[in-house]
Amino acid sequence: MKSSSKKRLLLNIGLLVIVAGLIGFIVSRDADETESYKTLYDDSIGDNAKELVIHVKGKDDLIIQLRDDIWYVVKPSNFKADKDKVRHLFTLLSENAESNYGIEGKDLASYGLDTEDLSISFNGVKMIFGKRNIVTGKRYILKGERMYLISETISGLMMLGEEGFRYQEKPELIPVPVGKN
């Protein structure tokens, strides 16, 4: 074999090893990212939440319960709840946590998590809402001994209180006859 052919063969083998290494790196990185995907849902909530408790500082706790497949606000008043708004609360459980940390040694006040001004419980599993991160706009949420950074869209609904969940009949749409011209 000529020396130029030998050099070319060694160069091709070297390039092949580099490409294989890059592919291996990308595949392992994708696997790591999949494993790090974390949400606020956990098995202690159960497959079917039947009670939600919303706490807003300065207001009575709002308790929403599932009875015979219908959601009801049971405290402070008692009425049928708007199922779409209740369903919206459950979106919090599936939001991707950008990051999560153990709270040991953390100054919870700097995250707005030292007091319970706004919280929600799903079947007794409480999540306390803290401040928004000024850079990402995501909210700090404390669940148990971990703090999460989450995109959430339910805090405004929670702060409306019981009136935000009152079921209202949707008016029927009456077809308008189209006249002949």
Protein backbone atom coordinates (compact mmCIF):
# COMPACT_ATOMS: atom_id res chain seq x y z
CA MET A 1 0.00 0.00 0.00
CA LYS A 2 1.29 3.42 -0.91
CA SER A 3 1.96 5.88 1.89
CA SER A 4 -0.60 8.41 0.55
CA SER A 5 -3.29 5.68 0.56
CA LYS A 6 -2.27 4.71 4.09
CA LYS A 7 -2.52 8.36 5.25
CA ARG A 8 -5.90 8.72 3.61
CA LEU A 9 -7.15 5.51 5.27
CA LEU A 10 -5.92 6.67 8.71
CA LEU A 11 -7.52 10.09 8.16
CA ASN A 12 -10.86 8.47 7.21
CA ILE A 13 -10.72 6.19 10.26
CA GLY A 14 -9.97 9.19 12.48
CA LEU A 15 -12.90 11.15 11.00
CA LEU A 16 -15.16 8.13 11.47
CA VAL A 17 -14.16 7.90 15.16
CA ILE A 18 -14.87 11.63 15.63
CA VAL A 19 -18.29 11.37 13.95
CA ALA A 20 -19.17 8.29 16.04
CA GLY A 21 -18.10 10.15 19.19
CA LEU A 22 -20.30 13.15 18.29
CA ILE A 23 -23.28 10.88 17.62
CA GLY A 24 -22.73 9.15 20.96
CA PHE A 25 -22.53 12.51 22.74
CA ILE A 26 -25.77 13.77 21.14
CA VAL A 27 -27.66 10.56 21.92
CA SER A 28 -26.52 10.52 25.56
CA ARG A 29 -27.32 14.23 25.94
CA ASP A 30 -30.87 13.71 24.61
CA ALA A 31 -31.33 10.83 27.08
CA ASP A 32 -30.13 13.05 29.96
CA GLU A 33 -32.55 15.82 28.99
CA THR A 34 -35.44 13.35 28.87
CA GLU A 35 -34.58 12.11 32.35
CA SER A 36 -34.36 15.64 33.74
CA TYR A 37 -37.88 16.51 32.54
CA LYS A 38 -39.70 17.21 35.78
CA THR A 39 -43.23 18.34 36.56
CA LEU A 40 -45.10 19.14 39.76
CA TYR A 41 -47.20 15.98 39.47
CA ASP A 42 -46.25 13.09 41.69
CA ASP A 43 -47.87 9.82 42.73
CA SER A 44 -48.98 11.21 46.11
CA ILE A 45 -51.58 13.31 44.24
CA GLY A 46 -53.05 10.16 42.74
CA ASP A 47 -54.57 9.52 39.35
CA ASN A 48 -57.82 11.31 40.15
CA ALA A 49 -57.75 14.47 42.23
CA LYS A 50 -61.04 14.90 44.04
CA GLU A 51 -60.31 17.95 46.16
CA LEU A 52 -58.55 21.24 45.47
CA VAL A 53 -57.85 23.88 48.08
CA ILE A 54 -56.86 27.38 47.00
CA HIS A 55 -55.38 29.73 49.57
CA VAL A 56 -55.12 33.45 48.85
CA LYS A 57 -53.82 35.63 51.68
CA GLY A 58 -56.62 37.70 53.21
CA LYS A 59 -59.44 35.53 51.81
CA ASP A 60 -61.23 32.40 53.00
CA ASP A 61 -59.76 29.22 51.55
CA LEU A 62 -61.62 28.05 48.47
CA ILE A 63 -62.41 24.33 48.51
CA ILE A 64 -63.44 22.63 45.27
CA GLN A 65 -64.56 18.99 45.32
CA LEU A 66 -65.47 16.41 42.69
CA ARG A 67 -68.81 14.70 43.38
CA ASP A 68 -70.43 12.32 40.88
CA ASP A 69 -68.16 13.63 38.10
CA ILE A 70 -69.21 17.26 38.74
CA TRP A 71 -66.97 19.87 40.35
CA TYR A 72 -68.46 21.98 43.15
CA VAL A 73 -67.17 24.90 45.14
CA VAL A 74 -68.07 23.80 48.69
CA LYS A 75 -66.45 26.56 50.76
CA PRO A 76 -66.87 29.44 51.43
CA SER A 77 -70.12 29.09 49.39
CA ASN A 78 -71.69 26.07 47.77
CA PHE A 79 -72.34 25.98 44.01
CA LYS A 80 -71.52 24.12 40.81
CA ALA A 81 -68.06 25.04 39.53
CA ASP A 82 -67.10 25.80 35.94
CA LYS A 83 -65.41 22.55 34.86
CA ASP A 84 -63.23 24.30 32.25
CA LYS A 85 -61.76 26.62 34.85
CA VAL A 86 -61.18 23.75 37.25
CA ARG A 87 -59.52 21.81 34.43
CA HIS A 88 -57.28 24.80 33.79
CA LEU A 89 -55.90 24.47 37.34
CA PHE A 90 -54.62 21.00 36.47
CA THR A 91 -52.33 22.44 33.78
CA LEU A 92 -49.96 23.37 36.61
CA LEU A 93 -49.23 19.68 37.20
CA SER A 94 -47.96 19.12 33.66
CA GLU A 95 -45.84 22.23 33.21
CA ASN A 96 -42.17 21.48 32.59
CA ALA A 97 -40.00 22.58 35.49
CA GLU A 98 -37.11 24.51 33.97
CA SER A 99 -35.13 23.75 37.09
CA ASN A 100 -35.66 22.44 40.60
CA TYR A 101 -33.61 22.64 43.77
CA GLY A 102 -33.59 21.31 47.29
CA ILE A 103 -34.43 24.13 49.71
CA GLU A 104 -31.84 23.32 52.35
CA GLY A 105 -29.67 26.40 52.90
CA LYS A 106 -31.75 28.58 50.55
CA ASP A 107 -33.11 31.97 51.61
CA LEU A 108 -36.77 31.30 50.84
CA ALA A 109 -37.69 34.98 51.39
CA SER A 110 -35.66 35.98 48.34
CA TYR A 111 -37.91 33.71 46.24
CA GLY A 112 -41.14 34.84 47.94
CA LEU A 113 -41.57 31.39 49.46
CA ASP A 114 -41.17 32.25 53.14
CA THR A 115 -44.89 33.00 53.57
CA GLU A 116 -47.91 31.31 52.09
CA ASP A 117 -49.60 34.18 50.25
CA LEU A 118 -50.88 32.03 47.38
CA SER A 119 -51.08 28.23 47.26
CA ILE A 120 -53.03 25.34 45.81
CA SER A 121 -53.38 21.78 47.07
CA PHE A 122 -54.29 18.80 44.91
CA ASN A 123 -55.58 15.96 47.15
CA GLY A 124 -53.61 17.47 50.03
CA VAL A 125 -50.34 18.01 48.13
CA LYS A 126 -49.61 21.72 48.61
CA MET A 127 -47.77 23.99 46.19
CA ILE A 128 -46.86 27.47 47.38
CA PHE A 129 -46.45 30.22 44.78
CA GLY A 130 -43.53 32.60 45.15
CA LYS A 131 -42.13 35.49 43.13
CA ARG A 132 -41.54 35.51 39.40
CA ASN A 133 -37.96 35.28 38.19
CA ILE A 134 -37.24 38.71 36.68
CA VAL A 135 -35.13 37.24 33.88
CA THR A 136 -37.31 34.34 32.71
CA GLY A 137 -40.74 35.48 33.93
CA LYS A 138 -41.26 32.00 35.39
CA ARG A 139 -42.59 31.54 38.92
CA TYR A 140 -40.91 29.91 41.89
CA ILE A 141 -43.10 27.21 43.42
CA LEU A 142 -42.39 25.31 46.62
CA LYS A 143 -43.60 21.73 46.89
CA GLY A 144 -42.41 19.81 49.90
CA GLU A 145 -38.67 20.24 50.25
CA ARG A 146 -38.08 21.26 46.62
CA MET A 147 -38.36 24.57 44.80
CA TYR A 148 -39.31 24.61 41.11
CA LEU A 149 -39.16 27.26 38.38
CA ILE A 150 -42.37 26.92 36.33
CA SER A 151 -44.28 28.71 33.58
CA GLU A 152 -47.76 28.95 35.01
CA THR A 153 -51.01 30.53 33.92
CA ILE A 154 -53.31 29.80 36.86
CA SER A 155 -52.35 32.33 39.54
CA GLY A 156 -54.65 35.01 38.12
CA LEU A 157 -57.59 32.61 38.15
CA MET A 158 -56.78 31.54 41.70
CA MET A 159 -56.76 35.15 42.92
CA LEU A 160 -60.29 35.73 41.54
CA GLY A 161 -61.63 33.63 44.39
CA GLU A 162 -64.93 31.80 44.29
CA GLU A 163 -66.50 34.07 41.66
CA GLY A 164 -63.79 33.01 39.22
CA PHE A 165 -65.14 29.44 39.36
CA ARG A 166 -68.90 30.08 39.29
CA TYR A 167 -70.56 28.05 36.55
CA GLN A 168 -72.61 30.13 34.14
CA GLU A 169 -74.96 28.69 31.61
CA LYS A 170 -73.79 29.47 28.13
CA PRO A 171 -76.54 31.16 26.13
CA GLU A 172 -77.82 29.08 23.25
CA LEU A 173 -76.99 30.40 19.85
CA ILE A 174 -80.11 30.95 17.82
CA PRO A 175 -79.60 30.58 14.09
CA VAL A 176 -80.42 33.72 12.18
CA PRO A 177 -82.48 33.01 9.08
CA VAL A 178 -80.92 34.25 5.90
CA GLY A 179 -83.47 36.06 3.78
CA LYS A 180 -83.60 35.99 0.01
CA ASN A 181 -82.52 39.15 -1.71
